Amino acid sequence: MAVYKTSEFRKGLKVQIDGEPYLMIEMNFVKPGKGNALYKCRLRNIIRNTVLDRTYKGGDTLEAADIQEIQTQYLYKQGTTFVFMDNASFEQYELSAEQVDDNWKYLKDGMVCSMLLYNGNPIAVTPPNHVELKVEYCEPGVRGDTATNVTKPVKVETGAEFVCPSFIEMGNVIRIDTRTGEYVERAST
């Protein structure tokens, strides 16, 4: 198994602590006047999303996590399970609703997503940064209401609701930023 020395510590490193995968989200190098250099690290558990603060001395090592990122295609939802297919090997992976988390709001049949595998098992999925979704239902905008920043909730084809400007109508296609969950623009159809 690969090992990282403290000199190789950096943000974005995927390591294994106590048999679980962690992502290094912050790393600060501290050199006190006397003694060893210290590496203060903030790590996020990739499976449980908890944050851990650890301090390492110069010369310490951490085991590399067996994490692989693959491109998959969203196929369908069956009960509380979401089914994806690896674009290269055509192998199918199933993720629970807890693993998919709030990303279900953006998933459309055939959409290409990025999936994280830990020891060959799927642990998380990330949709593209921007998705285009068709508006299924929304209240009609009030005529003459042209004040800036007037918004209303709209329901899209995935069943999710987003806050959009009041000029959006049923049948429109809207572009949503999946990182923030915010409306970006009305897509041209």
N, C-alpha and C. Protein backbone atom coordinates (compact mmCIF):
# COMPACT_ATOMS: atom_id res chain seq x y z
N MET A 1 0.84 -1.18 0.00
CA MET A 1 0.00 0.00 0.00
C MET A 1 0.88 1.24 0.00
N ALA A 2 0.49 2.24 -0.76
CA ALA A 2 1.26 3.49 -0.84
C ALA A 2 1.15 4.25 0.48
N VAL A 3 2.22 5.00 0.77
CA VAL A 3 2.29 5.77 2.00
C VAL A 3 2.72 7.19 1.67
N TYR A 4 2.11 8.18 2.34
CA TYR A 4 2.48 9.57 2.17
C TYR A 4 3.30 10.03 3.37
N LYS A 5 4.44 10.68 3.11
CA LYS A 5 5.23 11.29 4.18
C LYS A 5 4.69 12.69 4.44
N THR A 6 5.03 13.25 5.59
CA THR A 6 4.52 14.59 5.94
C THR A 6 4.93 15.63 4.90
N SER A 7 6.08 15.46 4.27
CA SER A 7 6.52 16.43 3.26
C SER A 7 5.62 16.41 2.02
N GLU A 8 4.83 15.33 1.85
CA GLU A 8 3.92 15.21 0.71
C GLU A 8 2.48 15.63 1.05
N PHE A 9 2.23 16.01 2.31
CA PHE A 9 0.89 16.41 2.72
C PHE A 9 0.47 17.67 1.97
N ARG A 10 -0.76 17.69 1.45
CA ARG A 10 -1.31 18.85 0.75
C ARG A 10 -2.82 18.72 0.73
N LYS A 11 -3.47 19.83 0.43
CA LYS A 11 -4.93 19.84 0.33
C LYS A 11 -5.35 18.94 -0.83
N GLY A 12 -6.42 18.16 -0.63
CA GLY A 12 -6.93 17.29 -1.68
C GLY A 12 -6.38 15.87 -1.62
N LEU A 13 -5.45 15.59 -0.72
CA LEU A 13 -4.87 14.26 -0.58
C LEU A 13 -5.90 13.31 0.02
N LYS A 14 -5.98 12.09 -0.50
CA LYS A 14 -6.92 11.09 0.01
C LYS A 14 -6.11 10.06 0.79
N VAL A 15 -6.37 9.98 2.11
CA VAL A 15 -5.61 9.10 2.99
C VAL A 15 -6.56 8.18 3.75
N GLN A 16 -5.95 7.18 4.40
CA GLN A 16 -6.74 6.21 5.17
C GLN A 16 -6.29 6.27 6.62
N ILE A 17 -7.25 6.49 7.53
CA ILE A 17 -6.97 6.53 8.97
C ILE A 17 -7.93 5.56 9.64
N ASP A 18 -7.40 4.63 10.41
CA ASP A 18 -8.19 3.62 11.12
C ASP A 18 -9.14 2.88 10.17
N GLY A 19 -8.69 2.59 8.96
CA GLY A 19 -9.47 1.81 8.00
C GLY A 19 -10.56 2.58 7.29
N GLU A 20 -10.59 3.92 7.42
CA GLU A 20 -11.62 4.72 6.73
C GLU A 20 -10.95 5.78 5.86
N PRO A 21 -11.58 6.11 4.72
CA PRO A 21 -10.98 7.10 3.81
C PRO A 21 -11.26 8.53 4.27
N TYR A 22 -10.24 9.38 4.17
CA TYR A 22 -10.35 10.79 4.52
C TYR A 22 -9.78 11.65 3.41
N LEU A 23 -10.35 12.83 3.26
CA LEU A 23 -9.86 13.82 2.31
C LEU A 23 -9.23 14.94 3.11
N MET A 24 -7.99 15.31 2.79
CA MET A 24 -7.30 16.39 3.49
C MET A 24 -7.86 17.71 2.95
N ILE A 25 -8.63 18.43 3.77
CA ILE A 25 -9.25 19.67 3.30
C ILE A 25 -8.45 20.90 3.70
N GLU A 26 -7.51 20.73 4.64
CA GLU A 26 -6.67 21.85 5.06
C GLU A 26 -5.38 21.29 5.62
N MET A 27 -4.24 21.95 5.33
CA MET A 27 -2.96 21.51 5.87
C MET A 27 -2.12 22.75 6.13
N ASN A 28 -1.68 22.92 7.38
CA ASN A 28 -0.84 24.06 7.76
C ASN A 28 0.47 23.55 8.32
N PHE A 29 1.57 24.11 7.82
CA PHE A 29 2.91 23.76 8.27
C PHE A 29 3.31 24.75 9.35
N VAL A 30 3.71 24.26 10.53
CA VAL A 30 4.12 25.11 11.63
C VAL A 30 5.52 24.71 12.06
N LYS A 31 6.43 25.69 12.11
CA LYS A 31 7.80 25.41 12.54
C LYS A 31 8.06 26.20 13.82
N PRO A 32 7.91 25.52 14.99
CA PRO A 32 8.18 26.24 16.24
C PRO A 32 9.69 26.52 16.37
N GLY A 33 10.04 27.40 17.27
CA GLY A 33 11.45 27.77 17.45
C GLY A 33 12.32 26.58 17.77
N LYS A 34 11.85 25.71 18.65
CA LYS A 34 12.61 24.52 19.02
C LYS A 34 11.81 23.28 18.64
N GLY A 35 12.48 22.21 18.40
CA GLY A 35 11.79 20.95 18.17
C GLY A 35 11.42 20.69 16.72
N ASN A 36 10.63 19.66 16.56
CA ASN A 36 10.21 19.18 15.24
C ASN A 36 9.20 20.11 14.57
N ALA A 37 9.16 20.07 13.24
CA ALA A 37 8.12 20.77 12.48
C ALA A 37 6.79 20.05 12.70
N LEU A 38 5.69 20.81 12.71
CA LEU A 38 4.37 20.23 12.90
C LEU A 38 3.52 20.46 11.66
N TYR A 39 2.67 19.49 11.36
CA TYR A 39 1.74 19.56 10.23
C TYR A 39 0.34 19.45 10.81
N LYS A 40 -0.37 20.58 10.85
CA LYS A 40 -1.74 20.58 11.39
C LYS A 40 -2.69 20.34 10.23
N CYS A 41 -3.42 19.24 10.31
CA CYS A 41 -4.28 18.81 9.20
C CYS A 41 -5.74 18.76 9.63
N ARG A 42 -6.60 19.15 8.71
CA ARG A 42 -8.05 18.99 8.88
C ARG A 42 -8.48 17.99 7.82
N LEU A 43 -9.11 16.92 8.27
CA LEU A 43 -9.49 15.81 7.38
C LEU A 43 -10.99 15.57 7.44
N ARG A 44 -11.60 15.31 6.29
CA ARG A 44 -13.04 15.00 6.25
C ARG A 44 -13.22 13.55 5.85
N ASN A 45 -14.00 12.83 6.66
CA ASN A 45 -14.31 11.44 6.35
C ASN A 45 -15.19 11.42 5.09
N ILE A 46 -14.74 10.72 4.07
CA ILE A 46 -15.44 10.71 2.79
C ILE A 46 -16.77 9.97 2.87
N ILE A 47 -16.88 8.99 3.74
CA ILE A 47 -18.11 8.21 3.85
C ILE A 47 -19.12 8.90 4.77
N ARG A 48 -18.69 9.31 5.97
CA ARG A 48 -19.62 9.87 6.96
C ARG A 48 -19.67 11.40 6.96
N ASN A 49 -18.77 12.05 6.24
CA ASN A 49 -18.73 13.51 6.11
C ASN A 49 -18.41 14.22 7.43
N THR A 50 -17.76 13.52 8.37
CA THR A 50 -17.35 14.16 9.62
C THR A 50 -15.96 14.75 9.45
N VAL A 51 -15.63 15.75 10.27
CA VAL A 51 -14.33 16.43 10.16
C VAL A 51 -13.48 16.07 11.36
N LEU A 52 -12.20 15.87 11.10
CA LEU A 52 -11.26 15.44 12.12
C LEU A 52 -10.04 16.37 12.06
N ASP A 53 -9.56 16.86 13.21
CA ASP A 53 -8.34 17.66 13.27
C ASP A 53 -7.23 16.81 13.85
N ARG A 54 -6.10 16.75 13.16
CA ARG A 54 -4.96 15.96 13.62
C ARG A 54 -3.68 16.76 13.42
N THR A 55 -2.70 16.55 14.29
CA THR A 55 -1.39 17.18 14.17
C THR A 55 -0.35 16.08 14.03
N TYR A 56 0.51 16.21 13.04
CA TYR A 56 1.56 15.21 12.78
C TYR A 56 2.92 15.87 12.89
N LYS A 57 3.91 15.10 13.37
CA LYS A 57 5.29 15.58 13.46
C LYS A 57 6.00 15.30 12.15
N GLY A 58 7.04 16.04 11.87
CA GLY A 58 7.84 15.78 10.67
C GLY A 58 8.35 14.35 10.69
N GLY A 59 8.21 13.65 9.57
CA GLY A 59 8.65 12.26 9.49
C GLY A 59 7.53 11.26 9.65
N ASP A 60 6.36 11.68 10.14
CA ASP A 60 5.20 10.78 10.26
C ASP A 60 4.70 10.40 8.86
N THR A 61 3.94 9.32 8.79
CA THR A 61 3.38 8.89 7.50
C THR A 61 1.90 8.57 7.66
N LEU A 62 1.19 8.63 6.54
CA LEU A 62 -0.22 8.23 6.47
C LEU A 62 -0.39 7.30 5.28
N GLU A 63 -1.24 6.31 5.44
CA GLU A 63 -1.52 5.35 4.38
C GLU A 63 -2.42 5.99 3.32
N ALA A 64 -2.14 5.73 2.06
CA ALA A 64 -2.98 6.26 0.97
C ALA A 64 -4.27 5.46 0.91
N ALA A 65 -5.38 6.15 0.65
CA ALA A 65 -6.68 5.48 0.54
C ALA A 65 -6.84 4.95 -0.88
N ASP A 66 -7.44 3.78 -0.99
CA ASP A 66 -7.69 3.17 -2.31
C ASP A 66 -8.98 3.77 -2.87
N ILE A 67 -8.87 5.03 -3.35
CA ILE A 67 -10.04 5.73 -3.88
C ILE A 67 -9.83 5.93 -5.37
N GLN A 68 -10.87 5.63 -6.11
CA GLN A 68 -10.83 5.74 -7.56
C GLN A 68 -12.05 6.56 -8.00
N GLU A 69 -11.85 7.44 -8.98
CA GLU A 69 -12.96 8.23 -9.50
C GLU A 69 -13.25 7.76 -10.92
N ILE A 70 -14.52 7.40 -11.17
CA ILE A 70 -14.91 6.91 -12.50
C ILE A 70 -16.09 7.71 -13.02
N GLN A 71 -16.27 7.66 -14.34
CA GLN A 71 -17.43 8.30 -14.98
C GLN A 71 -18.54 7.27 -15.10
N THR A 72 -19.71 7.61 -14.59
CA THR A 72 -20.84 6.70 -14.65
C THR A 72 -22.05 7.41 -15.27
N GLN A 73 -23.01 6.61 -15.65
CA GLN A 73 -24.25 7.13 -16.23
C GLN A 73 -25.39 6.75 -15.29
N TYR A 74 -26.23 7.73 -14.95
CA TYR A 74 -27.39 7.45 -14.09
C TYR A 74 -28.43 6.71 -14.93
N LEU A 75 -28.88 5.55 -14.44
CA LEU A 75 -29.85 4.75 -15.17
C LEU A 75 -31.27 4.95 -14.65
N TYR A 76 -31.51 4.62 -13.38
CA TYR A 76 -32.87 4.73 -12.83
C TYR A 76 -32.83 4.63 -11.31
N LYS A 77 -33.99 4.91 -10.71
CA LYS A 77 -34.17 4.78 -9.26
C LYS A 77 -35.13 3.62 -9.02
N GLN A 78 -34.75 2.75 -8.08
CA GLN A 78 -35.59 1.61 -7.75
C GLN A 78 -35.81 1.63 -6.24
N GLY A 79 -36.97 2.09 -5.82
CA GLY A 79 -37.25 2.24 -4.39
C GLY A 79 -36.39 3.37 -3.83
N THR A 80 -35.52 3.02 -2.87
CA THR A 80 -34.60 4.02 -2.31
C THR A 80 -33.18 3.83 -2.84
N THR A 81 -33.03 3.03 -3.89
CA THR A 81 -31.72 2.75 -4.47
C THR A 81 -31.59 3.42 -5.84
N PHE A 82 -30.44 4.04 -6.05
CA PHE A 82 -30.13 4.68 -7.33
C PHE A 82 -29.13 3.80 -8.06
N VAL A 83 -29.40 3.53 -9.35
CA VAL A 83 -28.57 2.62 -10.13
C VAL A 83 -27.77 3.41 -11.17
N PHE A 84 -26.44 3.17 -11.20
CA PHE A 84 -25.53 3.83 -12.13
C PHE A 84 -24.76 2.76 -12.90
N MET A 85 -24.25 3.14 -14.09
CA MET A 85 -23.46 2.20 -14.90
C MET A 85 -22.12 2.84 -15.22
N ASP A 86 -21.04 2.08 -15.04
CA ASP A 86 -19.69 2.53 -15.39
C ASP A 86 -19.62 2.66 -16.91
N ASN A 87 -19.20 3.82 -17.41
CA ASN A 87 -19.14 4.05 -18.85
C ASN A 87 -18.07 3.23 -19.55
N ALA A 88 -17.04 2.78 -18.81
CA ALA A 88 -15.96 2.02 -19.43
C ALA A 88 -16.23 0.51 -19.40
N SER A 89 -16.60 -0.04 -18.23
CA SER A 89 -16.76 -1.49 -18.09
C SER A 89 -18.22 -1.95 -18.17
N PHE A 90 -19.17 -1.02 -18.18
CA PHE A 90 -20.61 -1.30 -18.20
C PHE A 90 -21.09 -2.04 -16.95
N GLU A 91 -20.27 -2.02 -15.89
CA GLU A 91 -20.66 -2.61 -14.61
C GLU A 91 -21.65 -1.68 -13.93
N GLN A 92 -22.66 -2.26 -13.25
CA GLN A 92 -23.67 -1.43 -12.59
C GLN A 92 -23.38 -1.31 -11.10
N TYR A 93 -23.60 -0.10 -10.57
CA TYR A 93 -23.40 0.17 -9.15
C TYR A 93 -24.70 0.70 -8.57
N GLU A 94 -24.98 0.31 -7.32
CA GLU A 94 -26.17 0.79 -6.64
C GLU A 94 -25.74 1.64 -5.44
N LEU A 95 -26.37 2.80 -5.31
CA LEU A 95 -26.11 3.69 -4.18
C LEU A 95 -27.41 3.91 -3.42
N SER A 96 -27.31 3.98 -2.10
CA SER A 96 -28.50 4.22 -1.28
C SER A 96 -28.84 5.71 -1.31
N ALA A 97 -30.03 6.04 -0.84
CA ALA A 97 -30.47 7.44 -0.79
C ALA A 97 -29.53 8.26 0.11
N GLU A 98 -28.99 7.65 1.18
CA GLU A 98 -28.06 8.36 2.07
C GLU A 98 -26.76 8.69 1.34
N GLN A 99 -26.27 7.77 0.50
CA GLN A 99 -25.03 8.01 -0.24
C GLN A 99 -25.22 9.08 -1.31
N VAL A 100 -26.37 9.08 -1.97
CA VAL A 100 -26.65 10.06 -3.02
C VAL A 100 -26.91 11.43 -2.39
N ASP A 101 -27.50 11.45 -1.19
CA ASP A 101 -27.77 12.67 -0.43
C ASP A 101 -28.67 13.61 -1.24
N ASP A 102 -28.38 14.90 -1.26
CA ASP A 102 -29.22 15.87 -1.98
C ASP A 102 -28.98 15.88 -3.49
N ASN A 103 -28.04 15.09 -3.98
CA ASN A 103 -27.77 15.06 -5.42
C ASN A 103 -28.92 14.46 -6.22
N TRP A 104 -29.88 13.81 -5.58
CA TRP A 104 -31.04 13.24 -6.29
C TRP A 104 -31.80 14.34 -7.03
N LYS A 105 -31.74 15.57 -6.53
CA LYS A 105 -32.48 16.68 -7.13
C LYS A 105 -32.06 16.95 -8.57
N TYR A 106 -30.84 16.55 -8.93
CA TYR A 106 -30.30 16.89 -10.24
C TYR A 106 -30.23 15.70 -11.20
N LEU A 107 -30.54 14.49 -10.74
CA LEU A 107 -30.35 13.29 -11.54
C LEU A 107 -31.46 13.06 -12.56
N LYS A 108 -31.05 13.00 -13.83
CA LYS A 108 -31.97 12.68 -14.93
C LYS A 108 -31.45 11.41 -15.61
N ASP A 109 -32.35 10.63 -16.19
CA ASP A 109 -31.94 9.40 -16.88
C ASP A 109 -30.87 9.70 -17.93
N GLY A 110 -29.81 8.91 -17.93
CA GLY A 110 -28.76 9.05 -18.93
C GLY A 110 -27.70 10.09 -18.59
N MET A 111 -27.85 10.79 -17.47
CA MET A 111 -26.89 11.83 -17.10
C MET A 111 -25.55 11.23 -16.69
N VAL A 112 -24.45 11.83 -17.17
CA VAL A 112 -23.11 11.37 -16.81
C VAL A 112 -22.70 12.03 -15.50
N CYS A 113 -22.29 11.21 -14.54
CA CYS A 113 -21.89 11.68 -13.21
C CYS A 113 -20.51 11.13 -12.87
N SER A 114 -19.88 11.72 -11.88
CA SER A 114 -18.60 11.25 -11.39
C SER A 114 -18.86 10.45 -10.11
N MET A 115 -18.27 9.26 -10.00
CA MET A 115 -18.52 8.41 -8.84
C MET A 115 -17.20 8.07 -8.15
N LEU A 116 -17.20 8.08 -6.81
CA LEU A 116 -16.04 7.69 -6.03
C LEU A 116 -16.20 6.24 -5.59
N LEU A 117 -15.14 5.45 -5.81
CA LEU A 117 -15.13 4.05 -5.37
C LEU A 117 -14.05 3.91 -4.30
N TYR A 118 -14.38 3.28 -3.20
CA TYR A 118 -13.42 2.99 -2.13
C TYR A 118 -13.31 1.48 -2.02
N ASN A 119 -12.12 0.95 -2.27
CA ASN A 119 -11.89 -0.50 -2.32
C ASN A 119 -12.87 -1.18 -3.27
N GLY A 120 -13.19 -0.52 -4.39
CA GLY A 120 -14.06 -1.08 -5.40
C GLY A 120 -15.55 -0.91 -5.14
N ASN A 121 -15.92 -0.33 -3.99
CA ASN A 121 -17.33 -0.13 -3.65
C ASN A 121 -17.71 1.34 -3.80
N PRO A 122 -18.89 1.63 -4.37
CA PRO A 122 -19.29 3.03 -4.54
C PRO A 122 -19.61 3.68 -3.19
N ILE A 123 -19.13 4.93 -3.01
CA ILE A 123 -19.42 5.63 -1.75
C ILE A 123 -20.07 6.98 -1.97
N ALA A 124 -19.88 7.60 -3.15
CA ALA A 124 -20.47 8.92 -3.39
C ALA A 124 -20.58 9.17 -4.88
N VAL A 125 -21.51 10.05 -5.25
CA VAL A 125 -21.70 10.42 -6.65
C VAL A 125 -21.81 11.95 -6.73
N THR A 126 -21.24 12.51 -7.81
CA THR A 126 -21.28 13.96 -8.02
C THR A 126 -21.82 14.24 -9.41
N PRO A 127 -22.93 14.97 -9.51
CA PRO A 127 -23.46 15.32 -10.84
C PRO A 127 -22.60 16.40 -11.49
N PRO A 128 -22.82 16.70 -12.78
CA PRO A 128 -22.07 17.79 -13.41
C PRO A 128 -22.33 19.11 -12.68
N ASN A 129 -21.44 20.11 -12.85
CA ASN A 129 -21.59 21.39 -12.15
C ASN A 129 -22.88 22.11 -12.50
N HIS A 130 -23.34 21.98 -13.74
CA HIS A 130 -24.59 22.64 -14.17
C HIS A 130 -25.48 21.61 -14.86
N VAL A 131 -26.76 21.63 -14.51
CA VAL A 131 -27.73 20.74 -15.15
C VAL A 131 -28.91 21.56 -15.67
N GLU A 132 -29.52 21.05 -16.73
CA GLU A 132 -30.70 21.70 -17.29
C GLU A 132 -31.91 20.83 -16.96
N LEU A 133 -32.90 21.45 -16.30
CA LEU A 133 -34.09 20.73 -15.85
C LEU A 133 -35.34 21.44 -16.34
N LYS A 134 -36.33 20.65 -16.74
CA LYS A 134 -37.59 21.20 -17.25
C LYS A 134 -38.52 21.52 -16.08
N VAL A 135 -39.16 22.69 -16.13
CA VAL A 135 -40.09 23.11 -15.09
C VAL A 135 -41.42 22.38 -15.30
N GLU A 136 -41.83 21.61 -14.30
CA GLU A 136 -43.08 20.85 -14.37
C GLU A 136 -44.26 21.67 -13.83
N TYR A 137 -44.00 22.43 -12.75
CA TYR A 137 -45.09 23.21 -12.17
C TYR A 137 -44.55 24.46 -11.49
N CYS A 138 -45.25 25.56 -11.65
CA CYS A 138 -44.97 26.79 -10.91
C CYS A 138 -46.20 27.68 -10.96
N GLU A 139 -46.33 28.55 -9.99
CA GLU A 139 -47.42 29.52 -9.98
C GLU A 139 -47.16 30.54 -11.09
N PRO A 140 -48.20 31.05 -11.73
CA PRO A 140 -47.97 32.07 -12.77
C PRO A 140 -47.43 33.35 -12.14
N GLY A 141 -46.55 34.04 -12.89
CA GLY A 141 -46.00 35.30 -12.39
C GLY A 141 -47.08 36.36 -12.39
N VAL A 142 -47.00 37.29 -11.45
CA VAL A 142 -47.98 38.36 -11.35
C VAL A 142 -47.66 39.42 -12.41
N ARG A 143 -48.62 39.74 -13.23
CA ARG A 143 -48.41 40.70 -14.31
C ARG A 143 -48.15 42.08 -13.72
N GLY A 144 -47.17 42.76 -14.26
CA GLY A 144 -46.84 44.09 -13.80
C GLY A 144 -45.88 44.09 -12.62
N ASP A 145 -45.56 42.91 -12.10
CA ASP A 145 -44.62 42.83 -10.98
C ASP A 145 -43.21 42.78 -11.57
N THR A 146 -42.64 43.94 -11.81
CA THR A 146 -41.33 44.01 -12.47
C THR A 146 -40.24 44.45 -11.51
N ALA A 147 -40.53 44.44 -10.24
CA ALA A 147 -39.51 44.81 -9.25
C ALA A 147 -38.36 43.80 -9.35
N THR A 148 -37.18 44.25 -9.05
CA THR A 148 -36.01 43.37 -9.17
C THR A 148 -36.04 42.29 -8.10
N ASN A 149 -35.45 41.17 -8.44
CA ASN A 149 -35.28 40.03 -7.53
C ASN A 149 -36.58 39.45 -6.98
N VAL A 150 -37.64 39.43 -7.76
CA VAL A 150 -38.88 38.77 -7.34
C VAL A 150 -38.73 37.29 -7.70
N THR A 151 -38.88 36.41 -6.70
CA THR A 151 -38.67 34.99 -6.94
C THR A 151 -39.89 34.18 -6.55
N LYS A 152 -39.90 32.91 -6.99
CA LYS A 152 -40.98 31.99 -6.65
C LYS A 152 -40.42 30.57 -6.71
N PRO A 153 -41.03 29.63 -5.97
CA PRO A 153 -40.57 28.24 -6.06
C PRO A 153 -41.11 27.58 -7.32
N VAL A 154 -40.27 26.77 -7.97
CA VAL A 154 -40.72 26.01 -9.14
C VAL A 154 -40.36 24.54 -8.92
N LYS A 155 -41.23 23.65 -9.42
CA LYS A 155 -40.98 22.21 -9.30
C LYS A 155 -40.49 21.72 -10.65
N VAL A 156 -39.38 20.95 -10.65
CA VAL A 156 -38.78 20.47 -11.91
C VAL A 156 -39.04 18.99 -12.11
N GLU A 157 -38.62 18.47 -13.24
CA GLU A 157 -38.91 17.09 -13.64
C GLU A 157 -38.38 16.03 -12.68
N THR A 158 -37.37 16.35 -11.87
CA THR A 158 -36.84 15.37 -10.93
C THR A 158 -37.64 15.30 -9.64
N GLY A 159 -38.60 16.24 -9.47
CA GLY A 159 -39.40 16.29 -8.25
C GLY A 159 -38.87 17.29 -7.23
N ALA A 160 -37.74 17.90 -7.52
CA ALA A 160 -37.14 18.87 -6.60
C ALA A 160 -37.73 20.26 -6.83
N GLU A 161 -37.59 21.12 -5.82
CA GLU A 161 -38.04 22.50 -5.94
C GLU A 161 -36.86 23.44 -5.84
N PHE A 162 -36.84 24.47 -6.69
CA PHE A 162 -35.80 25.49 -6.68
C PHE A 162 -36.45 26.86 -6.69
N VAL A 163 -35.75 27.85 -6.17
CA VAL A 163 -36.23 29.24 -6.18
C VAL A 163 -35.71 29.89 -7.46
N CYS A 164 -36.65 30.43 -8.26
CA CYS A 164 -36.31 31.02 -9.55
C CYS A 164 -36.97 32.39 -9.69
N PRO A 165 -36.51 33.18 -10.65
CA PRO A 165 -37.16 34.48 -10.91
C PRO A 165 -38.63 34.27 -11.32
N SER A 166 -39.44 35.29 -11.12
CA SER A 166 -40.88 35.16 -11.35
C SER A 166 -41.26 35.02 -12.82
N PHE A 167 -40.35 35.33 -13.75
CA PHE A 167 -40.69 35.21 -15.18
C PHE A 167 -40.62 33.78 -15.70
N ILE A 168 -40.14 32.83 -14.90
CA ILE A 168 -40.07 31.42 -15.31
C ILE A 168 -41.48 30.85 -15.36
N GLU A 169 -41.78 30.12 -16.46
CA GLU A 169 -43.11 29.53 -16.65
C GLU A 169 -43.00 28.02 -16.79
N MET A 170 -44.15 27.33 -16.68
CA MET A 170 -44.17 25.88 -16.88
C MET A 170 -43.71 25.57 -18.29
N GLY A 171 -42.88 24.51 -18.43
CA GLY A 171 -42.36 24.13 -19.74
C GLY A 171 -40.99 24.72 -20.03
N ASN A 172 -40.58 25.78 -19.30
CA ASN A 172 -39.24 26.34 -19.48
C ASN A 172 -38.20 25.34 -19.02
N VAL A 173 -37.01 25.46 -19.58
CA VAL A 173 -35.88 24.66 -19.13
C VAL A 173 -34.94 25.63 -18.41
N ILE A 174 -34.59 25.27 -17.17
CA ILE A 174 -33.72 26.16 -16.38
C ILE A 174 -32.39 25.47 -16.11
N ARG A 175 -31.35 26.28 -15.97
CA ARG A 175 -30.01 25.77 -15.66
C ARG A 175 -29.77 26.01 -14.17
N ILE A 176 -29.37 24.95 -13.45
CA ILE A 176 -29.13 24.99 -12.00
C ILE A 176 -27.67 24.64 -11.73
N ASP A 177 -27.04 25.37 -10.80
CA ASP A 177 -25.67 25.07 -10.36
C ASP A 177 -25.79 24.01 -9.26
N THR A 178 -25.25 22.80 -9.49
CA THR A 178 -25.41 21.70 -8.55
C THR A 178 -24.57 21.89 -7.28
N ARG A 179 -23.55 22.73 -7.33
CA ARG A 179 -22.71 22.95 -6.15
C ARG A 179 -23.42 23.80 -5.12
N THR A 180 -24.28 24.74 -5.58
CA THR A 180 -24.97 25.65 -4.66
C THR A 180 -26.47 25.40 -4.62
N GLY A 181 -27.04 24.74 -5.65
CA GLY A 181 -28.47 24.52 -5.73
C GLY A 181 -29.22 25.77 -6.16
N GLU A 182 -28.52 26.72 -6.78
CA GLU A 182 -29.15 27.98 -7.17
C GLU A 182 -29.43 28.03 -8.67
N TYR A 183 -30.47 28.79 -9.01
CA TYR A 183 -30.84 29.06 -10.39
C TYR A 183 -29.72 29.87 -11.05
N VAL A 184 -29.33 29.49 -12.29
CA VAL A 184 -28.31 30.23 -13.02
C VAL A 184 -28.94 31.06 -14.13
N GLU A 185 -29.70 30.38 -15.01
CA GLU A 185 -30.33 31.08 -16.12
C GLU A 185 -31.40 30.20 -16.74
N ARG A 186 -32.20 30.83 -17.61
CA ARG A 186 -33.17 30.08 -18.38
C ARG A 186 -32.42 29.56 -19.60
N ALA A 187 -32.50 28.25 -19.82
CA ALA A 187 -31.77 27.64 -20.94
C ALA A 187 -32.56 27.84 -22.23
N SER A 188 -31.83 28.01 -23.32
CA SER A 188 -32.50 28.15 -24.62
C SER A 188 -32.94 26.77 -25.08
N THR A 189 -34.16 26.67 -25.57
CA THR A 189 -34.68 25.36 -25.96
C THR A 189 -34.66 25.19 -27.46
